[in-house]
Amino acid sequence: MTAQAEPTFGKRITVEQVEEGNILAPKFDEHGLIPAVTTDAETGNLLMLGYMNAEALKLTIETGEAHYFSRSRQVLWHKGGTSGLVQKVEELRIDDDQDAVWLRVRVGGSGASCHVGFMSCFYRSIPLGQPIGNVIEGLKYTETSKTFDPKEVYGDAPNPTKL
């Protein structure tokens, strides 16, 4: 079996070309990753922050479904491949210096994007304007219930987040 070729993007030549040109030339970090902010295409709600390597970005562009790279598991990941909560990309944007992407998606199934079972991975808020001692145990839930039971969807698989 032959090794799969690394996806090819445009070369980063000048600041002007990167910031104002029409060539996709993403800047991946020292680990080969680019942050990917994902929001719901209909509501605009923030669903998650993930990371993509070159292959994940390529697959997302080619298939129209979100693919990420799991930093904790060190694997390419098709969002919803296990849970059925596939993210269909409505729009994919890249920021001015091409080092972050924004996906606007429609989510299949229950519409949730968080492996914990909530709609959004950002389901708690941090109180502001208080001494840090009051804040440490003061996170407030912004979602009152889960949209699915993770044990029913994932079984007894270990939590994908490493502490």
C-alpha atoms as a PDB file:
ATOM      1  CA  MET A   1       0.000   0.000   0.000  1.00  0.00           C
ATOM      2  CA  THR A   2       1.347   3.445  -0.887  1.00  0.00           C
ATOM      3  CA  ALA A   3       1.417   6.293   1.585  1.00  0.00           C
ATOM      4  CA  GLN A   4      -1.216   8.946   1.061  1.00  0.00           C
ATOM      5  CA  ALA A   5       0.191  12.207  -0.304  1.00  0.00           C
ATOM      6  CA  GLU A   6       0.003  15.275   1.911  1.00  0.00           C
ATOM      7  CA  PRO A   7      -2.720  17.685   0.702  1.00  0.00           C
ATOM      8  CA  THR A   8      -1.342  20.600  -1.274  1.00  0.00           C
ATOM      9  CA  PHE A   9      -2.393  24.172  -0.628  1.00  0.00           C
ATOM     10  CA  GLY A  10      -1.057  27.415  -2.088  1.00  0.00           C
ATOM     11  CA  LYS A  11       2.329  28.710  -1.033  1.00  0.00           C
ATOM     12  CA  ARG A  12       2.514  31.670   1.345  1.00  0.00           C
ATOM     13  CA  ILE A  13       4.626  34.189  -0.579  1.00  0.00           C
ATOM     14  CA  THR A  14       3.738  37.694   0.576  1.00  0.00           C
ATOM     15  CA  VAL A  15       1.567  39.251   3.263  1.00  0.00           C
ATOM     16  CA  GLU A  16      -0.538  40.898   0.558  1.00  0.00           C
ATOM     17  CA  GLN A  17      -1.097  37.575  -1.236  1.00  0.00           C
ATOM     18  CA  VAL A  18      -2.099  35.844   2.024  1.00  0.00           C
ATOM     19  CA  GLU A  19      -4.320  38.650   3.323  1.00  0.00           C
ATOM     20  CA  GLU A  20      -5.908  39.927   0.134  1.00  0.00           C
ATOM     21  CA  GLY A  21      -5.299  37.336  -2.564  1.00  0.00           C
ATOM     22  CA  ASN A  22      -7.540  34.523  -3.727  1.00  0.00           C
ATOM     23  CA  ILE A  23      -5.129  31.638  -3.037  1.00  0.00           C
ATOM     24  CA  LEU A  24      -5.911  29.278  -0.156  1.00  0.00           C
ATOM     25  CA  ALA A  25      -2.596  29.119   1.740  1.00  0.00           C
ATOM     26  CA  PRO A  26      -3.434  28.107   5.318  1.00  0.00           C
ATOM     27  CA  LYS A  27      -0.837  28.493   8.049  1.00  0.00           C
ATOM     28  CA  PHE A  28      -0.739  25.419  10.261  1.00  0.00           C
ATOM     29  CA  ASP A  29       0.957  25.694  13.651  1.00  0.00           C
ATOM     30  CA  GLU A  30       4.108  23.861  14.763  1.00  0.00           C
ATOM     31  CA  HIS A  31       1.979  20.727  15.322  1.00  0.00           C
ATOM     32  CA  GLY A  32       0.488  20.925  11.824  1.00  0.00           C
ATOM     33  CA  LEU A  33      -2.877  22.174  13.094  1.00  0.00           C
ATOM     34  CA  ILE A  34      -5.209  25.100  12.449  1.00  0.00           C
ATOM     35  CA  PRO A  35      -8.027  26.111  14.876  1.00  0.00           C
ATOM     36  CA  ALA A  36     -11.567  25.598  13.583  1.00  0.00           C
ATOM     37  CA  VAL A  37     -14.457  27.510  15.173  1.00  0.00           C
ATOM     38  CA  THR A  38     -17.819  25.895  14.421  1.00  0.00           C
ATOM     39  CA  THR A  39     -21.210  27.598  14.682  1.00  0.00           C
ATOM     40  CA  ASP A  40     -24.769  26.562  13.874  1.00  0.00           C
ATOM     41  CA  ALA A  41     -25.688  27.887  10.412  1.00  0.00           C
ATOM     42  CA  GLU A  42     -29.257  28.694  11.433  1.00  0.00           C
ATOM     43  CA  THR A  43     -28.917  30.154  14.938  1.00  0.00           C
ATOM     44  CA  GLY A  44     -25.312  31.349  14.905  1.00  0.00           C
ATOM     45  CA  ASN A  45     -24.708  29.622  18.246  1.00  0.00           C
ATOM     46  CA  LEU A  46     -21.134  28.615  18.938  1.00  0.00           C
ATOM     47  CA  LEU A  47     -20.970  24.810  18.874  1.00  0.00           C
ATOM     48  CA  MET A  48     -17.324  23.937  19.289  1.00  0.00           C
ATOM     49  CA  LEU A  49     -13.675  24.744  18.798  1.00  0.00           C
ATOM     50  CA  GLY A  50     -11.685  21.994  17.144  1.00  0.00           C
ATOM     51  CA  TYR A  51      -8.481  21.665  15.181  1.00  0.00           C
ATOM     52  CA  MET A  52      -7.782  20.513  11.660  1.00  0.00           C
ATOM     53  CA  ASN A  53      -4.637  19.165  10.125  1.00  0.00           C
ATOM     54  CA  ALA A  54      -4.110  19.466   6.357  1.00  0.00           C
ATOM     55  CA  GLU A  55      -5.944  16.197   5.679  1.00  0.00           C
ATOM     56  CA  ALA A  56      -8.968  17.221   7.787  1.00  0.00           C
ATOM     57  CA  LEU A  57      -9.197  20.575   5.986  1.00  0.00           C
ATOM     58  CA  LYS A  58      -8.905  18.843   2.612  1.00  0.00           C
ATOM     59  CA  LEU A  59     -11.627  16.301   3.477  1.00  0.00           C
ATOM     60  CA  THR A  60     -13.918  19.019   4.823  1.00  0.00           C
ATOM     61  CA  ILE A  61     -13.553  20.985   1.583  1.00  0.00           C
ATOM     62  CA  GLU A  62     -14.002  17.925  -0.637  1.00  0.00           C
ATOM     63  CA  THR A  63     -16.906  16.238   1.187  1.00  0.00           C
ATOM     64  CA  GLY A  64     -18.810  19.213   2.620  1.00  0.00           C
ATOM     65  CA  GLU A  65     -18.809  17.470   6.012  1.00  0.00           C
ATOM     66  CA  ALA A  66     -16.664  18.542   8.966  1.00  0.00           C
ATOM     67  CA  HIS A  67     -13.497  16.604   9.690  1.00  0.00           C
ATOM     68  CA  TYR A  68     -11.146  17.456  12.539  1.00  0.00           C
ATOM     69  CA  PHE A  69      -7.925  16.212  14.075  1.00  0.00           C
ATOM     70  CA  SER A  70      -8.255  15.036  17.665  1.00  0.00           C
ATOM     71  CA  ARG A  71      -5.322  16.328  19.685  1.00  0.00           C
ATOM     72  CA  SER A  72      -6.110  14.014  22.610  1.00  0.00           C
ATOM     73  CA  ARG A  73      -6.426  10.846  20.495  1.00  0.00           C
ATOM     74  CA  GLN A  74      -4.023  11.928  17.709  1.00  0.00           C
ATOM     75  CA  VAL A  75      -6.401  10.767  14.959  1.00  0.00           C
ATOM     76  CA  LEU A  76      -8.343  12.214  12.051  1.00  0.00           C
ATOM     77  CA  TRP A  77     -12.001  12.404  13.018  1.00  0.00           C
ATOM     78  CA  HIS A  78     -15.163  12.683  10.869  1.00  0.00           C
ATOM     79  CA  LYS A  79     -17.541  14.591  13.153  1.00  0.00           C
ATOM     80  CA  GLY A  80     -20.622  12.443  13.663  1.00  0.00           C
ATOM     81  CA  GLY A  81     -19.062   9.302  12.218  1.00  0.00           C
ATOM     82  CA  THR A  82     -19.850   7.425  15.457  1.00  0.00           C
ATOM     83  CA  SER A  83     -22.736   9.431  16.897  1.00  0.00           C
ATOM     84  CA  GLY A  84     -24.627  10.273  13.692  1.00  0.00           C
ATOM     85  CA  LEU A  85     -24.342  13.974  14.570  1.00  0.00           C
ATOM     86  CA  VAL A  86     -22.677  14.762  11.238  1.00  0.00           C
ATOM     87  CA  GLN A  87     -21.875  18.413  10.605  1.00  0.00           C
ATOM     88  CA  LYS A  88     -22.878  19.410   7.058  1.00  0.00           C
ATOM     89  CA  VAL A  89     -20.874  22.508   6.167  1.00  0.00           C
ATOM     90  CA  GLU A  90     -22.958  25.386   4.817  1.00  0.00           C
ATOM     91  CA  GLU A  91     -20.037  27.802   4.666  1.00  0.00           C
ATOM     92  CA  LEU A  92     -16.315  27.585   5.347  1.00  0.00           C
ATOM     93  CA  ARG A  93     -14.318  30.770   5.900  1.00  0.00           C
ATOM     94  CA  ILE A  94     -10.673  31.457   6.590  1.00  0.00           C
ATOM     95  CA  ASP A  95      -9.442  34.470   8.571  1.00  0.00           C
ATOM     96  CA  ASP A  96      -7.321  37.317   7.220  1.00  0.00           C
ATOM     97  CA  ASP A  97      -3.923  35.761   7.823  1.00  0.00           C
ATOM     98  CA  GLN A  98      -5.206  32.260   7.039  1.00  0.00           C
ATOM     99  CA  ASP A  99      -4.382  30.691  10.401  1.00  0.00           C
ATOM    100  CA  ALA A 100      -7.935  29.891  11.571  1.00  0.00           C
ATOM    101  CA  VAL A 101     -11.122  28.642   9.921  1.00  0.00           C
ATOM    102  CA  TRP A 102     -14.795  29.164  10.695  1.00  0.00           C
ATOM    103  CA  LEU A 103     -17.374  26.541   9.781  1.00  0.00           C
ATOM    104  CA  ARG A 104     -21.093  27.306   9.652  1.00  0.00           C
ATOM    105  CA  VAL A 105     -22.816  23.908   9.871  1.00  0.00           C
ATOM    106  CA  ARG A 106     -26.114  22.083  10.078  1.00  0.00           C
ATOM    107  CA  VAL A 107     -25.912  19.184  12.501  1.00  0.00           C
ATOM    108  CA  GLY A 108     -27.712  15.898  11.914  1.00  0.00           C
ATOM    109  CA  GLY A 109     -29.568  13.866  14.533  1.00  0.00           C
ATOM    110  CA  SER A 110     -30.408  15.803  17.689  1.00  0.00           C
ATOM    111  CA  GLY A 111     -28.440  18.819  16.488  1.00  0.00           C
ATOM    112  CA  ALA A 112     -25.916  18.474  19.301  1.00  0.00           C
ATOM    113  CA  SER A 113     -22.177  18.854  18.750  1.00  0.00           C
ATOM    114  CA  CYS A 114     -20.775  18.107  22.197  1.00  0.00           C
ATOM    115  CA  HIS A 115     -19.682  14.580  23.124  1.00  0.00           C
ATOM    116  CA  VAL A 116     -20.900  15.306  26.679  1.00  0.00           C
ATOM    117  CA  GLY A 117     -24.475  15.445  25.324  1.00  0.00           C
ATOM    118  CA  PHE A 118     -25.122  19.181  25.283  1.00  0.00           C
ATOM    119  CA  MET A 119     -25.980  21.136  22.121  1.00  0.00           C
ATOM    120  CA  SER A 120     -22.787  23.194  22.335  1.00  0.00           C
ATOM    121  CA  CYS A 121     -19.401  22.422  23.844  1.00  0.00           C
ATOM    122  CA  PHE A 122     -19.659  25.886  25.435  1.00  0.00           C
ATOM    123  CA  TYR A 123     -22.446  24.995  27.876  1.00  0.00           C
ATOM    124  CA  ARG A 124     -21.096  26.872  30.921  1.00  0.00           C
ATOM    125  CA  SER A 125     -20.366  30.530  31.534  1.00  0.00           C
ATOM    126  CA  ILE A 126     -17.698  32.030  33.758  1.00  0.00           C
ATOM    127  CA  PRO A 127     -18.929  34.766  36.094  1.00  0.00           C
ATOM    128  CA  LEU A 128     -17.171  38.079  35.553  1.00  0.00           C
ATOM    129  CA  GLY A 129     -16.291  40.897  37.941  1.00  0.00           C
ATOM    130  CA  GLN A 130     -15.573  38.675  40.936  1.00  0.00           C
ATOM    131  CA  PRO A 131     -12.414  37.591  42.777  1.00  0.00           C
ATOM    132  CA  ILE A 132     -11.038  34.411  41.203  1.00  0.00           C
ATOM    133  CA  GLY A 133     -11.726  32.486  44.435  1.00  0.00           C
ATOM    134  CA  ASN A 134     -15.473  32.957  43.896  1.00  0.00           C
ATOM    135  CA  VAL A 135     -15.229  32.010  40.220  1.00  0.00           C
ATOM    136  CA  ILE A 136     -13.380  28.695  40.551  1.00  0.00           C
ATOM    137  CA  GLU A 137     -16.514  26.875  41.742  1.00  0.00           C
ATOM    138  CA  GLY A 138     -18.982  29.298  40.194  1.00  0.00           C
ATOM    139  CA  LEU A 139     -19.440  28.077  36.612  1.00  0.00           C
ATOM    140  CA  LYS A 140     -23.052  28.525  35.469  1.00  0.00           C
ATOM    141  CA  TYR A 141     -24.790  26.141  33.080  1.00  0.00           C
ATOM    142  CA  THR A 142     -26.198  27.906  30.029  1.00  0.00           C
ATOM    143  CA  GLU A 143     -27.978  24.758  28.810  1.00  0.00           C
ATOM    144  CA  THR A 144     -30.435  23.153  31.212  1.00  0.00           C
ATOM    145  CA  SER A 145     -30.512  19.656  29.728  1.00  0.00           C
ATOM    146  CA  LYS A 146     -28.545  17.357  27.481  1.00  0.00           C
ATOM    147  CA  THR A 147     -29.868  16.626  24.007  1.00  0.00           C
ATOM    148  CA  PHE A 148     -28.646  13.019  24.075  1.00  0.00           C
ATOM    149  CA  ASP A 149     -27.243  10.458  26.501  1.00  0.00           C
ATOM    150  CA  PRO A 150     -23.538   9.939  25.723  1.00  0.00           C
ATOM    151  CA  LYS A 151     -23.594   6.376  27.144  1.00  0.00           C
ATOM    152  CA  GLU A 152     -26.374   5.415  24.695  1.00  0.00           C
ATOM    153  CA  VAL A 153     -24.469   6.947  21.757  1.00  0.00           C
ATOM    154  CA  TYR A 154     -20.883   6.019  22.603  1.00  0.00           C
ATOM    155  CA  GLY A 155     -21.372   3.073  24.974  1.00  0.00           C
ATOM    156  CA  ASP A 156     -18.673   2.606  27.555  1.00  0.00           C
ATOM    157  CA  ALA A 157     -15.977   4.077  25.315  1.00  0.00           C
ATOM    158  CA  PRO A 158     -13.538   6.159  27.319  1.00  0.00           C
ATOM    159  CA  ASN A 159     -14.066   9.895  27.329  1.00  0.00           C
ATOM    160  CA  PRO A 160     -12.070  11.317  24.394  1.00  0.00           C
ATOM    161  CA  THR A 161     -10.778  14.202  26.500  1.00  0.00           C
ATOM    162  CA  LYS A 162      -7.533  13.612  28.354  1.00  0.00           C
ATOM    163  CA  LEU A 163      -7.070  15.439  31.625  1.00  0.00           C
END
